Amino acid sequence: MISIIIPIYNMAKKLPKCLDSILAQTDKDYELILVDDGSIDEIEKVFDEYQQQFSRLKTIRQDNQGSNPTRNRGAIEAKGQYLLFCDADLILEPTMLETMKKTLEINPEVSFAYCSFRFGKKLFKLWPYSLDRLRKMPYIHTTALIRAEHFPGFDNQIKRLQDWDLWLTMAEHNQVGVWIDQVLFTAQPGGTISSWLPSIAYKLMPFLPQVKKYKTAMEIIKKKHGLD
């Protein structure tokens, strides 16, 4: 069984499309865990609307703690052998769960499966798993299918680039991933990566607040994992 964990903070407008895409999955062997991190919008109405549509649904409400503690809370409640941390603004392709699970089944030596995706119309094609590349740059999205037994937990002290930190931590335990060369989900603009900038901006506009924050986050991860 797959445990789908969705951390939520003020996503009442975007969550329904995400939930609809989960209901449309070809693989029905999943549980859904919604963790509300102190939202102040109308998320309760969304919860009520979908409560009866999922056979295995658990909703958790907590005071605002941030994304990593919220994901970890969901993982504690999870009962599946696989974990999928799904952002609330994602729209999954109908075969996403089936494809990812089959990929792990035929690759027993890997710990997680990740895919290409879109942010609006922008394609993030990604690359095959490479530790050398991973040590140089973050390129694997948080929404990958992970073997629960290999999940180390998110570092609650890390506020940005949490996905990069997770995959590096797993690599340090010799736990690697496999790339699925398919676009299996789309991120709705205006959500968790709404502030995406083209890569050229990070080279030519270092004065932008967003670029400064990104570079600071990069240095924190590099220092933690002893990267150059």
Protein backbone atom coordinates (compact mmCIF):
# COMPACT_ATOMS: atom_id res chain seq x y z
CA MET A 1 0.00 0.00 0.00
CA ILE A 2 1.08 3.57 -0.73
CA SER A 3 0.68 6.22 1.96
CA ILE A 4 0.04 9.56 0.25
CA ILE A 5 0.96 12.36 2.64
CA ILE A 6 -0.13 15.89 1.77
CA PRO A 7 1.17 18.79 3.91
CA ILE A 8 -1.30 21.67 3.68
CA TYR A 9 -1.05 25.33 4.52
CA ASN A 10 -3.71 27.69 3.10
CA MET A 11 -4.26 25.60 -0.04
CA ALA A 12 -8.06 25.37 -0.04
CA LYS A 13 -8.27 26.67 -3.62
CA LYS A 14 -5.70 24.27 -5.09
CA LEU A 15 -6.19 21.11 -3.04
CA PRO A 16 -9.43 19.95 -4.77
CA LYS A 17 -7.67 19.42 -8.12
CA CYS A 18 -4.97 17.44 -6.34
CA LEU A 19 -7.54 15.26 -4.58
CA ASP A 20 -9.51 14.73 -7.80
CA SER A 21 -6.33 13.50 -9.49
CA ILE A 22 -5.75 11.05 -6.64
CA LEU A 23 -9.30 9.74 -6.95
CA ALA A 24 -8.60 9.13 -10.65
CA GLN A 25 -5.56 6.91 -10.02
CA THR A 26 -5.50 3.49 -11.68
CA ASP A 27 -3.84 2.02 -8.57
CA LYS A 28 -6.38 2.18 -5.75
CA ASP A 29 -4.22 0.56 -3.06
CA TYR A 30 -3.42 3.70 -1.09
CA GLU A 31 -4.28 5.61 2.04
CA LEU A 32 -4.49 9.39 2.11
CA ILE A 33 -3.14 11.43 5.02
CA LEU A 34 -3.93 15.16 5.00
CA VAL A 35 -1.92 17.20 7.50
CA ASP A 36 -3.17 20.76 7.95
CA ASP A 37 -0.39 22.96 9.28
CA GLY A 38 -2.52 25.66 10.89
CA SER A 39 -4.31 26.94 7.78
CA ILE A 40 -6.48 30.04 8.14
CA ASP A 41 -8.40 29.66 4.88
CA GLU A 42 -11.48 27.50 4.23
CA ILE A 43 -9.64 24.18 4.20
CA GLU A 44 -12.25 22.62 6.50
CA LYS A 45 -14.84 22.88 3.73
CA VAL A 46 -12.54 20.97 1.39
CA PHE A 47 -11.98 18.26 4.01
CA ASP A 48 -15.72 17.91 4.54
CA GLU A 49 -16.42 17.75 0.80
CA TYR A 50 -13.99 14.88 0.21
CA GLN A 51 -14.38 12.98 3.47
CA GLN A 52 -16.71 10.36 2.00
CA GLN A 53 -14.92 10.00 -1.34
CA PHE A 54 -11.85 8.22 0.02
CA SER A 55 -12.08 4.80 1.66
CA ARG A 56 -8.89 5.35 3.67
CA LEU A 57 -8.54 8.98 4.66
CA LYS A 58 -7.03 10.50 7.78
CA THR A 59 -7.03 14.24 8.50
CA ILE A 60 -4.67 15.78 11.02
CA ARG A 61 -4.72 19.36 12.27
CA GLN A 62 -1.85 21.04 14.07
CA ASP A 63 -0.55 24.50 14.94
CA ASN A 64 1.73 25.93 12.28
CA GLN A 65 5.14 24.23 12.43
CA GLY A 66 6.48 24.35 8.88
CA SER A 67 6.65 21.90 6.00
CA ASN A 68 9.18 19.37 7.32
CA PRO A 69 7.52 18.78 10.72
CA THR A 70 4.21 18.51 8.86
CA ARG A 71 5.55 15.87 6.46
CA ASN A 72 7.13 13.97 9.34
CA ARG A 73 3.85 13.99 11.25
CA GLY A 74 2.17 12.36 8.29
CA ALA A 75 4.93 9.75 8.02
CA ILE A 76 4.43 8.80 11.67
CA GLU A 77 0.77 8.04 10.94
CA ALA A 78 1.47 6.17 7.69
CA LYS A 79 0.88 2.42 7.43
CA GLY A 80 1.96 1.79 3.83
CA GLN A 81 5.16 0.16 2.64
CA TYR A 82 5.63 3.12 0.30
CA LEU A 83 5.47 6.85 1.08
CA LEU A 84 4.55 9.62 -1.35
CA PHE A 85 4.91 13.19 -0.08
CA CYS A 86 2.57 15.01 -2.42
CA ASP A 87 2.40 18.80 -2.47
CA ALA A 88 -1.13 20.15 -2.26
CA ASP A 89 -0.84 22.03 -5.55
CA LEU A 90 0.05 19.01 -7.69
CA ILE A 91 -2.15 17.33 -10.28
CA LEU A 92 -1.16 13.69 -10.73
CA GLU A 93 -1.41 11.77 -13.98
CA PRO A 94 -3.85 8.84 -13.59
CA THR A 95 -1.10 6.21 -13.87
CA MET A 96 1.38 7.90 -11.54
CA LEU A 97 0.99 5.62 -8.51
CA GLU A 98 0.87 2.50 -10.66
CA THR A 99 3.96 3.49 -12.65
CA MET A 100 6.04 4.46 -9.63
CA LYS A 101 5.15 1.33 -7.66
CA LYS A 102 5.91 -0.97 -10.60
CA THR A 103 9.24 0.80 -11.04
CA LEU A 104 10.23 0.05 -7.45
CA GLU A 105 9.00 -3.53 -7.75
CA ILE A 106 11.27 -4.21 -10.73
CA ASN A 107 14.18 -2.30 -9.17
CA PRO A 108 14.50 -3.82 -5.68
CA GLU A 109 17.96 -2.33 -5.23
CA VAL A 110 16.71 1.29 -5.21
CA SER A 111 14.99 3.19 -2.42
CA PHE A 112 12.86 5.69 -4.33
CA ALA A 113 11.47 6.44 -7.77
CA TYR A 114 11.13 9.96 -9.16
CA CYS A 115 9.88 11.41 -12.44
CA SER A 116 9.86 14.42 -14.70
CA PHE A 117 7.12 16.99 -14.14
CA ARG A 118 5.66 20.28 -15.30
CA PHE A 119 5.26 23.59 -13.52
CA GLY A 120 2.39 25.06 -15.46
CA LYS A 121 3.65 24.74 -19.06
CA LYS A 122 7.33 24.63 -18.08
CA LEU A 123 8.84 21.14 -18.43
CA PHE A 124 11.30 19.87 -15.83
CA LYS A 125 12.57 16.79 -17.64
CA LEU A 126 15.26 15.88 -15.04
CA TRP A 127 17.95 13.21 -15.48
CA PRO A 128 18.81 9.64 -14.48
CA TYR A 129 19.97 9.26 -10.89
CA SER A 130 23.58 10.36 -10.41
CA LEU A 131 25.25 10.87 -7.05
CA ASP A 132 27.81 13.18 -8.64
CA ARG A 133 25.06 15.38 -10.06
CA LEU A 134 23.07 15.24 -6.82
CA ARG A 135 26.07 16.46 -4.85
CA LYS A 136 26.35 19.44 -7.19
CA MET A 137 22.72 20.51 -7.48
CA PRO A 138 19.15 19.81 -6.31
CA TYR A 139 17.21 18.23 -9.14
CA ILE A 140 14.87 15.61 -7.65
CA HIS A 141 11.40 16.77 -6.58
CA THR A 142 10.05 15.97 -3.13
CA THR A 143 7.18 14.04 -4.69
CA ALA A 144 8.87 10.69 -5.29
CA LEU A 145 7.78 7.23 -4.17
CA ILE A 146 9.94 6.12 -1.23
CA ARG A 147 10.24 2.74 0.45
CA ALA A 148 8.97 3.48 3.97
CA GLU A 149 11.67 1.32 5.57
CA HIS A 150 14.35 3.55 4.03
CA PHE A 151 12.81 6.93 4.87
CA PRO A 152 15.10 8.75 7.35
CA GLY A 153 12.71 11.59 8.12
CA PHE A 154 13.01 15.21 7.05
CA ASP A 155 15.36 17.43 9.04
CA ASN A 156 13.07 19.78 10.95
CA GLN A 157 15.80 22.42 11.08
CA ILE A 158 16.02 22.74 7.29
CA LYS A 159 13.64 25.38 5.93
CA ARG A 160 14.56 25.41 2.23
CA LEU A 161 15.74 22.78 -0.26
CA GLN A 162 14.29 20.10 2.00
CA ASP A 163 14.12 17.65 -0.88
CA TRP A 164 17.81 18.04 -1.71
CA ASP A 165 18.69 17.46 1.94
CA LEU A 166 16.54 14.30 2.04
CA TRP A 167 18.07 12.70 -1.06
CA LEU A 168 21.59 13.54 0.10
CA THR A 169 20.88 12.03 3.51
CA MET A 170 19.59 8.85 1.90
CA ALA A 171 22.63 8.71 -0.40
CA GLU A 172 24.87 8.79 2.67
CA HIS A 173 23.12 5.56 3.71
CA ASN A 174 23.72 4.05 0.25
CA GLN A 175 20.05 4.50 -0.63
CA VAL A 176 19.67 5.60 -4.23
CA GLY A 177 16.86 6.43 -6.63
CA VAL A 178 15.69 5.61 -10.14
CA TRP A 179 14.37 8.09 -12.69
CA ILE A 180 11.14 7.47 -14.59
CA ASP A 181 11.38 9.20 -17.96
CA GLN A 182 7.77 10.33 -17.94
CA VAL A 183 5.92 13.46 -16.87
CA LEU A 184 3.70 12.12 -14.10
CA PHE A 185 2.49 15.30 -12.40
CA THR A 186 1.98 19.01 -12.94
CA ALA A 187 2.36 21.76 -10.33
CA GLN A 188 -0.33 24.42 -10.42
CA PRO A 189 1.22 27.91 -10.72
CA GLY A 190 0.88 30.02 -7.62
CA GLY A 191 1.65 27.17 -5.21
CA THR A 192 4.76 25.79 -3.56
CA ILE A 193 7.15 26.69 -6.38
CA SER A 194 5.31 29.76 -7.62
CA SER A 195 8.45 31.84 -7.15
CA TRP A 196 10.43 29.76 -9.68
CA LEU A 197 12.92 31.76 -11.72
CA PRO A 198 14.82 30.69 -14.84
CA SER A 199 18.36 29.53 -14.08
CA ILE A 200 19.89 32.52 -15.85
CA ALA A 201 18.38 34.80 -13.19
CA TYR A 202 20.54 33.21 -10.51
CA LYS A 203 23.64 34.14 -12.48
CA LEU A 204 22.71 37.60 -13.69
CA MET A 205 20.57 38.92 -10.81
CA PRO A 206 22.28 37.96 -7.53
CA PHE A 207 20.74 41.04 -5.88
CA LEU A 208 17.20 39.63 -5.98
CA PRO A 209 15.93 38.64 -2.49
CA GLN A 210 14.79 35.27 -3.83
CA VAL A 211 18.22 34.55 -5.28
CA LYS A 212 19.93 35.54 -2.03
CA LYS A 213 17.68 33.23 0.00
CA TYR A 214 18.30 30.38 -2.42
CA LYS A 215 22.07 30.78 -2.24
CA THR A 216 21.95 30.93 1.56
CA ALA A 217 19.91 27.72 1.61
CA MET A 218 22.43 26.10 -0.75
CA GLU A 219 25.28 26.94 1.62
CA ILE A 220 23.41 25.45 4.60
CA ILE A 221 22.91 22.14 2.78
CA LYS A 222 26.48 22.09 1.47
CA LYS A 223 27.90 22.65 4.93
CA LYS A 224 25.69 19.93 6.47
CA HIS A 225 26.72 17.33 3.88
CA GLY A 226 30.32 18.41 3.41
CA LEU A 227 29.92 19.43 -0.23
CA ASP A 228 32.33 21.66 -2.12
